[in-house]
Amino acid sequence: MHEESDREGPASKSPSFRRHNPPDASDFRSRLAIGAHALLISLAAGAVTALLSGALRAF
């Protein structure tokens, strides 16, 4: 599957540890999806904060 490395330690035994292999296209799509979700969550949190701030100012 992946070539044996001369390094030792927990990272070298991990299946996600790869040397000299370019990342797969699915890795890029996964990271893009994670980034998009993080952006949406951040925007939603900002909207909720703005609504709560506006509601508290009304009192």
PDB file of N, CA and C in Angstrom:
ATOM      1  N   MET A   1       0.830  -1.177   0.000  1.00  0.00           N
ATOM      2  CA  MET A   1       0.000   0.000   0.000  1.00  0.00           C
ATOM      3  C   MET A   1       0.883   1.252   0.000  1.00  0.00           C
ATOM      4  N   HIS A   2       1.548   1.539   1.078  1.00  0.00           N
ATOM      5  CA  HIS A   2       2.501   2.628   1.075  1.00  0.00           C
ATOM      6  C   HIS A   2       3.882   2.078   1.361  1.00  0.00           C
ATOM      7  N   GLU A   3       4.868   2.795   0.846  1.00  0.00           N
ATOM      8  CA  GLU A   3       6.212   2.285   1.012  1.00  0.00           C
ATOM      9  C   GLU A   3       6.660   2.391   2.465  1.00  0.00           C
ATOM     10  N   GLU A   4       7.522   1.481   2.840  1.00  0.00           N
ATOM     11  CA  GLU A   4       8.030   1.488   4.208  1.00  0.00           C
ATOM     12  C   GLU A   4       8.964   2.678   4.386  1.00  0.00           C
ATOM     13  N   SER A   5       8.897   3.298   5.523  1.00  0.00           N
ATOM     14  CA  SER A   5       9.758   4.448   5.771  1.00  0.00           C
ATOM     15  C   SER A   5      10.839   4.067   6.769  1.00  0.00           C
ATOM     16  N   ASP A   6      11.866   4.895   6.817  1.00  0.00           N
ATOM     17  CA  ASP A   6      12.929   4.652   7.777  1.00  0.00           C
ATOM     18  C   ASP A   6      12.646   5.354   9.105  1.00  0.00           C
ATOM     19  N   ARG A   7      11.527   6.034   9.204  1.00  0.00           N
ATOM     20  CA  ARG A   7      11.154   6.699  10.442  1.00  0.00           C
ATOM     21  C   ARG A   7      10.443   5.731  11.367  1.00  0.00           C
ATOM     22  N   GLU A   8      10.519   6.043  12.626  1.00  0.00           N
ATOM     23  CA  GLU A   8       9.817   5.230  13.605  1.00  0.00           C
ATOM     24  C   GLU A   8       8.972   6.142  14.466  1.00  0.00           C
ATOM     25  N   GLY A   9       7.916   5.591  15.008  1.00  0.00           N
ATOM     26  CA  GLY A   9       7.031   6.359  15.865  1.00  0.00           C
ATOM     27  C   GLY A   9       5.592   6.124  15.472  1.00  0.00           C
ATOM     28  N   PRO A  10       4.674   6.679  16.256  1.00  0.00           N
ATOM     29  CA  PRO A  10       3.256   6.421  15.993  1.00  0.00           C
ATOM     30  C   PRO A  10       2.780   6.970  14.647  1.00  0.00           C
ATOM     31  N   ALA A  11       3.359   8.101  14.210  1.00  0.00           N
ATOM     32  CA  ALA A  11       2.906   8.686  12.944  1.00  0.00           C
ATOM     33  C   ALA A  11       3.267   7.790  11.761  1.00  0.00           C
ATOM     34  N   SER A  12       4.425   7.143  11.818  1.00  0.00           N
ATOM     35  CA  SER A  12       4.841   6.309  10.693  1.00  0.00           C
ATOM     36  C   SER A  12       4.019   5.036  10.594  1.00  0.00           C
ATOM     37  N   LYS A  13       3.376   4.632  11.677  1.00  0.00           N
ATOM     38  CA  LYS A  13       2.551   3.427  11.643  1.00  0.00           C
ATOM     39  C   LYS A  13       1.111   3.734  11.263  1.00  0.00           C
ATOM     40  N   SER A  14       0.779   5.019  11.196  1.00  0.00           N
ATOM     41  CA  SER A  14      -0.584   5.423  10.857  1.00  0.00           C
ATOM     42  C   SER A  14      -0.841   5.188   9.374  1.00  0.00           C
ATOM     43  N   PRO A  15      -2.044   4.714   9.016  1.00  0.00           N
ATOM     44  CA  PRO A  15      -2.332   4.502   7.592  1.00  0.00           C
ATOM     45  C   PRO A  15      -2.393   5.800   6.800  1.00  0.00           C
ATOM     46  N   SER A  16      -2.597   6.931   7.473  1.00  0.00           N
ATOM     47  CA  SER A  16      -2.664   8.197   6.748  1.00  0.00           C
ATOM     48  C   SER A  16      -1.277   8.794   6.521  1.00  0.00           C
ATOM     49  N   PHE A  17      -0.240   8.160   7.066  1.00  0.00           N
ATOM     50  CA  PHE A  17       1.122   8.648   6.900  1.00  0.00           C
ATOM     51  C   PHE A  17       1.649   8.186   5.554  1.00  0.00           C
ATOM     52  N   ARG A  18       1.871   9.126   4.651  1.00  0.00           N
ATOM     53  CA  ARG A  18       2.366   8.784   3.317  1.00  0.00           C
ATOM     54  C   ARG A  18       3.581   9.645   3.010  1.00  0.00           C
ATOM     55  N   ARG A  19       4.538   9.058   2.328  1.00  0.00           N
ATOM     56  CA  ARG A  19       5.708   9.827   1.902  1.00  0.00           C
ATOM     57  C   ARG A  19       5.763   9.857   0.388  1.00  0.00           C
ATOM     58  N   HIS A  20       6.033  11.026  -0.141  1.00  0.00           N
ATOM     59  CA  HIS A  20       6.260  11.207  -1.571  1.00  0.00           C
ATOM     60  C   HIS A  20       5.046  10.848  -2.422  1.00  0.00           C
ATOM     61  N   ASN A  21       3.878  10.879  -1.842  1.00  0.00           N
ATOM     62  CA  ASN A  21       2.671  10.615  -2.619  1.00  0.00           C
ATOM     63  C   ASN A  21       1.848  11.893  -2.694  1.00  0.00           C
ATOM     64  N   PRO A  22       1.441  12.303  -3.885  1.00  0.00           N
ATOM     65  CA  PRO A  22       0.596  13.500  -3.965  1.00  0.00           C
ATOM     66  C   PRO A  22      -0.775  13.218  -3.356  1.00  0.00           C
ATOM     67  N   PRO A  23      -1.414  14.233  -2.781  1.00  0.00           N
ATOM     68  CA  PRO A  23      -2.740  14.004  -2.202  1.00  0.00           C
ATOM     69  C   PRO A  23      -3.759  13.667  -3.282  1.00  0.00           C
ATOM     70  N   ASP A  24      -4.734  12.875  -2.922  1.00  0.00           N
ATOM     71  CA  ASP A  24      -5.785  12.501  -3.857  1.00  0.00           C
ATOM     72  C   ASP A  24      -6.723  13.676  -4.084  1.00  0.00           C
ATOM     73  N   ALA A  25      -7.468  13.627  -5.190  1.00  0.00           N
ATOM     74  CA  ALA A  25      -8.455  14.664  -5.469  1.00  0.00           C
ATOM     75  C   ALA A  25      -9.542  14.667  -4.403  1.00  0.00           C
ATOM     76  N   SER A  26      -9.855  13.491  -3.863  1.00  0.00           N
ATOM     77  CA  SER A  26     -10.885  13.418  -2.828  1.00  0.00           C
ATOM     78  C   SER A  26     -10.439  14.151  -1.567  1.00  0.00           C
ATOM     79  N   ASP A  27      -9.123  14.203  -1.306  1.00  0.00           N
ATOM     80  CA  ASP A  27      -8.616  14.960  -0.165  1.00  0.00           C
ATOM     81  C   ASP A  27      -8.915  16.441  -0.337  1.00  0.00           C
ATOM     82  N   PHE A  28      -8.718  16.952  -1.549  1.00  0.00           N
ATOM     83  CA  PHE A  28      -8.989  18.361  -1.812  1.00  0.00           C
ATOM     84  C   PHE A  28     -10.475  18.657  -1.679  1.00  0.00           C
ATOM     85  N   ARG A  29     -11.313  17.765  -2.216  1.00  0.00           N
ATOM     86  CA  ARG A  29     -12.766  17.972  -2.107  1.00  0.00           C
ATOM     87  C   ARG A  29     -13.204  17.929  -0.661  1.00  0.00           C
ATOM     88  N   SER A  30     -12.626  17.026   0.102  1.00  0.00           N
ATOM     89  CA  SER A  30     -12.974  16.912   1.517  1.00  0.00           C
ATOM     90  C   SER A  30     -12.573  18.176   2.271  1.00  0.00           C
ATOM     91  N   ARG A  31     -11.372  18.662   2.009  1.00  0.00           N
ATOM     92  CA  ARG A  31     -10.923  19.881   2.684  1.00  0.00           C
ATOM     93  C   ARG A  31     -11.746  21.082   2.249  1.00  0.00           C
ATOM     94  N   LEU A  32     -12.120  21.132   0.985  1.00  0.00           N
ATOM     95  CA  LEU A  32     -12.963  22.224   0.507  1.00  0.00           C
ATOM     96  C   LEU A  32     -14.327  22.180   1.176  1.00  0.00           C
ATOM     97  N   ALA A  33     -14.888  20.988   1.304  1.00  0.00           N
ATOM     98  CA  ALA A  33     -16.188  20.845   1.967  1.00  0.00           C
ATOM     99  C   ALA A  33     -16.101  21.244   3.437  1.00  0.00           C
ATOM    100  N   ILE A  34     -15.029  20.856   4.103  1.00  0.00           N
ATOM    101  CA  ILE A  34     -14.850  21.232   5.508  1.00  0.00           C
ATOM    102  C   ILE A  34     -14.736  22.748   5.631  1.00  0.00           C
ATOM    103  N   GLY A  35     -13.982  23.362   4.744  1.00  0.00           N
ATOM    104  CA  GLY A  35     -13.842  24.820   4.763  1.00  0.00           C
ATOM    105  C   GLY A  35     -15.158  25.528   4.497  1.00  0.00           C
ATOM    106  N   ALA A  36     -15.934  25.004   3.550  1.00  0.00           N
ATOM    107  CA  ALA A  36     -17.234  25.609   3.237  1.00  0.00           C
ATOM    108  C   ALA A  36     -18.178  25.496   4.427  1.00  0.00           C
ATOM    109  N   HIS A  37     -18.180  24.353   5.077  1.00  0.00           N
ATOM    110  CA  HIS A  37     -19.035  24.187   6.255  1.00  0.00           C
ATOM    111  C   HIS A  37     -18.591  25.107   7.391  1.00  0.00           C
ATOM    112  N   ALA A  38     -17.294  25.247   7.569  1.00  0.00           N
ATOM    113  CA  ALA A  38     -16.786  26.145   8.610  1.00  0.00           C
ATOM    114  C   ALA A  38     -17.212  27.583   8.328  1.00  0.00           C
ATOM    115  N   LEU A  39     -17.161  27.982   7.065  1.00  0.00           N
ATOM    116  CA  LEU A  39     -17.591  29.332   6.695  1.00  0.00           C
ATOM    117  C   LEU A  39     -19.079  29.523   6.959  1.00  0.00           C
ATOM    118  N   LEU A  40     -19.889  28.547   6.581  1.00  0.00           N
ATOM    119  CA  LEU A  40     -21.334  28.646   6.820  1.00  0.00           C
ATOM    120  C   LEU A  40     -21.655  28.695   8.311  1.00  0.00           C
ATOM    121  N   ILE A  41     -20.967  27.899   9.099  1.00  0.00           N
ATOM    122  CA  ILE A  41     -21.188  27.912  10.545  1.00  0.00           C
ATOM    123  C   ILE A  41     -20.794  29.267  11.122  1.00  0.00           C
ATOM    124  N   SER A  42     -19.693  29.814  10.644  1.00  0.00           N
ATOM    125  CA  SER A  42     -19.247  31.120  11.116  1.00  0.00           C
ATOM    126  C   SER A  42     -20.260  32.208  10.761  1.00  0.00           C
ATOM    127  N   LEU A  43     -20.774  32.166   9.538  1.00  0.00           N
ATOM    128  CA  LEU A  43     -21.783  33.150   9.131  1.00  0.00           C
ATOM    129  C   LEU A  43     -23.061  32.999   9.947  1.00  0.00           C
ATOM    130  N   ALA A  44     -23.477  31.769  10.194  1.00  0.00           N
ATOM    131  CA  ALA A  44     -24.679  31.533  10.993  1.00  0.00           C
ATOM    132  C   ALA A  44     -24.477  32.023  12.423  1.00  0.00           C
ATOM    133  N   ALA A  45     -23.309  31.793  12.979  1.00  0.00           N
ATOM    134  CA  ALA A  45     -23.022  32.268  14.335  1.00  0.00           C
ATOM    135  C   ALA A  45     -23.047  33.791  14.386  1.00  0.00           C
ATOM    136  N   GLY A  46     -22.523  34.434  13.357  1.00  0.00           N
ATOM    137  CA  GLY A  46     -22.565  35.896  13.293  1.00  0.00           C
ATOM    138  C   GLY A  46     -23.984  36.416  13.196  1.00  0.00           C
ATOM    139  N   ALA A  47     -24.817  35.740  12.418  1.00  0.00           N
ATOM    140  CA  ALA A  47     -26.216  36.158  12.282  1.00  0.00           C
ATOM    141  C   ALA A  47     -26.958  36.004  13.605  1.00  0.00           C
ATOM    142  N   VAL A  48     -26.738  34.909  14.298  1.00  0.00           N
ATOM    143  CA  VAL A  48     -27.388  34.689  15.598  1.00  0.00           C
ATOM    144  C   VAL A  48     -26.915  35.738  16.596  1.00  0.00           C
ATOM    145  N   THR A  49     -25.628  36.031  16.590  1.00  0.00           N
ATOM    146  CA  THR A  49     -25.091  37.049  17.494  1.00  0.00           C
ATOM    147  C   THR A  49     -25.712  38.412  17.201  1.00  0.00           C
ATOM    148  N   ALA A  50     -25.838  38.755  15.931  1.00  0.00           N
ATOM    149  CA  ALA A  50     -26.445  40.039  15.563  1.00  0.00           C
ATOM    150  C   ALA A  50     -27.909  40.095  15.987  1.00  0.00           C
ATOM    151  N   LEU A  51     -28.640  39.007  15.799  1.00  0.00           N
ATOM    152  CA  LEU A  51     -30.048  38.978  16.210  1.00  0.00           C
ATOM    153  C   LEU A  51     -30.184  39.116  17.723  1.00  0.00           C
ATOM    154  N   LEU A  52     -29.361  38.398  18.454  1.00  0.00           N
ATOM    155  CA  LEU A  52     -29.415  38.495  19.914  1.00  0.00           C
ATOM    156  C   LEU A  52     -29.017  39.886  20.387  1.00  0.00           C
ATOM    157  N   SER A  53     -28.020  40.460  19.759  1.00  0.00           N
ATOM    158  CA  SER A  53     -27.585  41.803  20.127  1.00  0.00           C
ATOM    159  C   SER A  53     -28.695  42.814  19.866  1.00  0.00           C
ATOM    160  N   GLY A  54     -29.346  42.689  18.716  1.00  0.00           N
ATOM    161  CA  GLY A  54     -30.456  43.592  18.400  1.00  0.00           C
ATOM    162  C   GLY A  54     -31.628  43.405  19.340  1.00  0.00           C
ATOM    163  N   ALA A  55     -31.905  42.169  19.707  1.00  0.00           N
ATOM    164  CA  ALA A  55     -33.017  41.893  20.621  1.00  0.00           C
ATOM    165  C   ALA A  55     -32.723  42.445  22.013  1.00  0.00           C
ATOM    166  N   LEU A  56     -31.484  42.353  22.452  1.00  0.00           N
ATOM    167  CA  LEU A  56     -31.132  42.857  23.780  1.00  0.00           C
ATOM    168  C   LEU A  56     -31.116  44.381  23.821  1.00  0.00           C
ATOM    169  N   ARG A  57     -30.802  45.024  22.696  1.00  0.00           N
ATOM    170  CA  ARG A  57     -30.820  46.489  22.653  1.00  0.00           C
ATOM    171  C   ARG A  57     -32.234  47.035  22.722  1.00  0.00           C
ATOM    172  N   ALA A  58     -33.193  46.234  22.305  1.00  0.00           N
ATOM    173  CA  ALA A  58     -34.586  46.689  22.306  1.00  0.00           C
ATOM    174  C   ALA A  58     -35.106  46.864  23.732  1.00  0.00           C
ATOM    175  N   PHE A  59     -34.497  46.174  24.670  1.00  0.00           N
ATOM    176  CA  PHE A  59     -34.973  46.273  26.062  1.00  0.00           C
ATOM    177  C   PHE A  59     -34.244  47.334  26.837  1.00  0.00           C
TER     178      PHE A  59
END
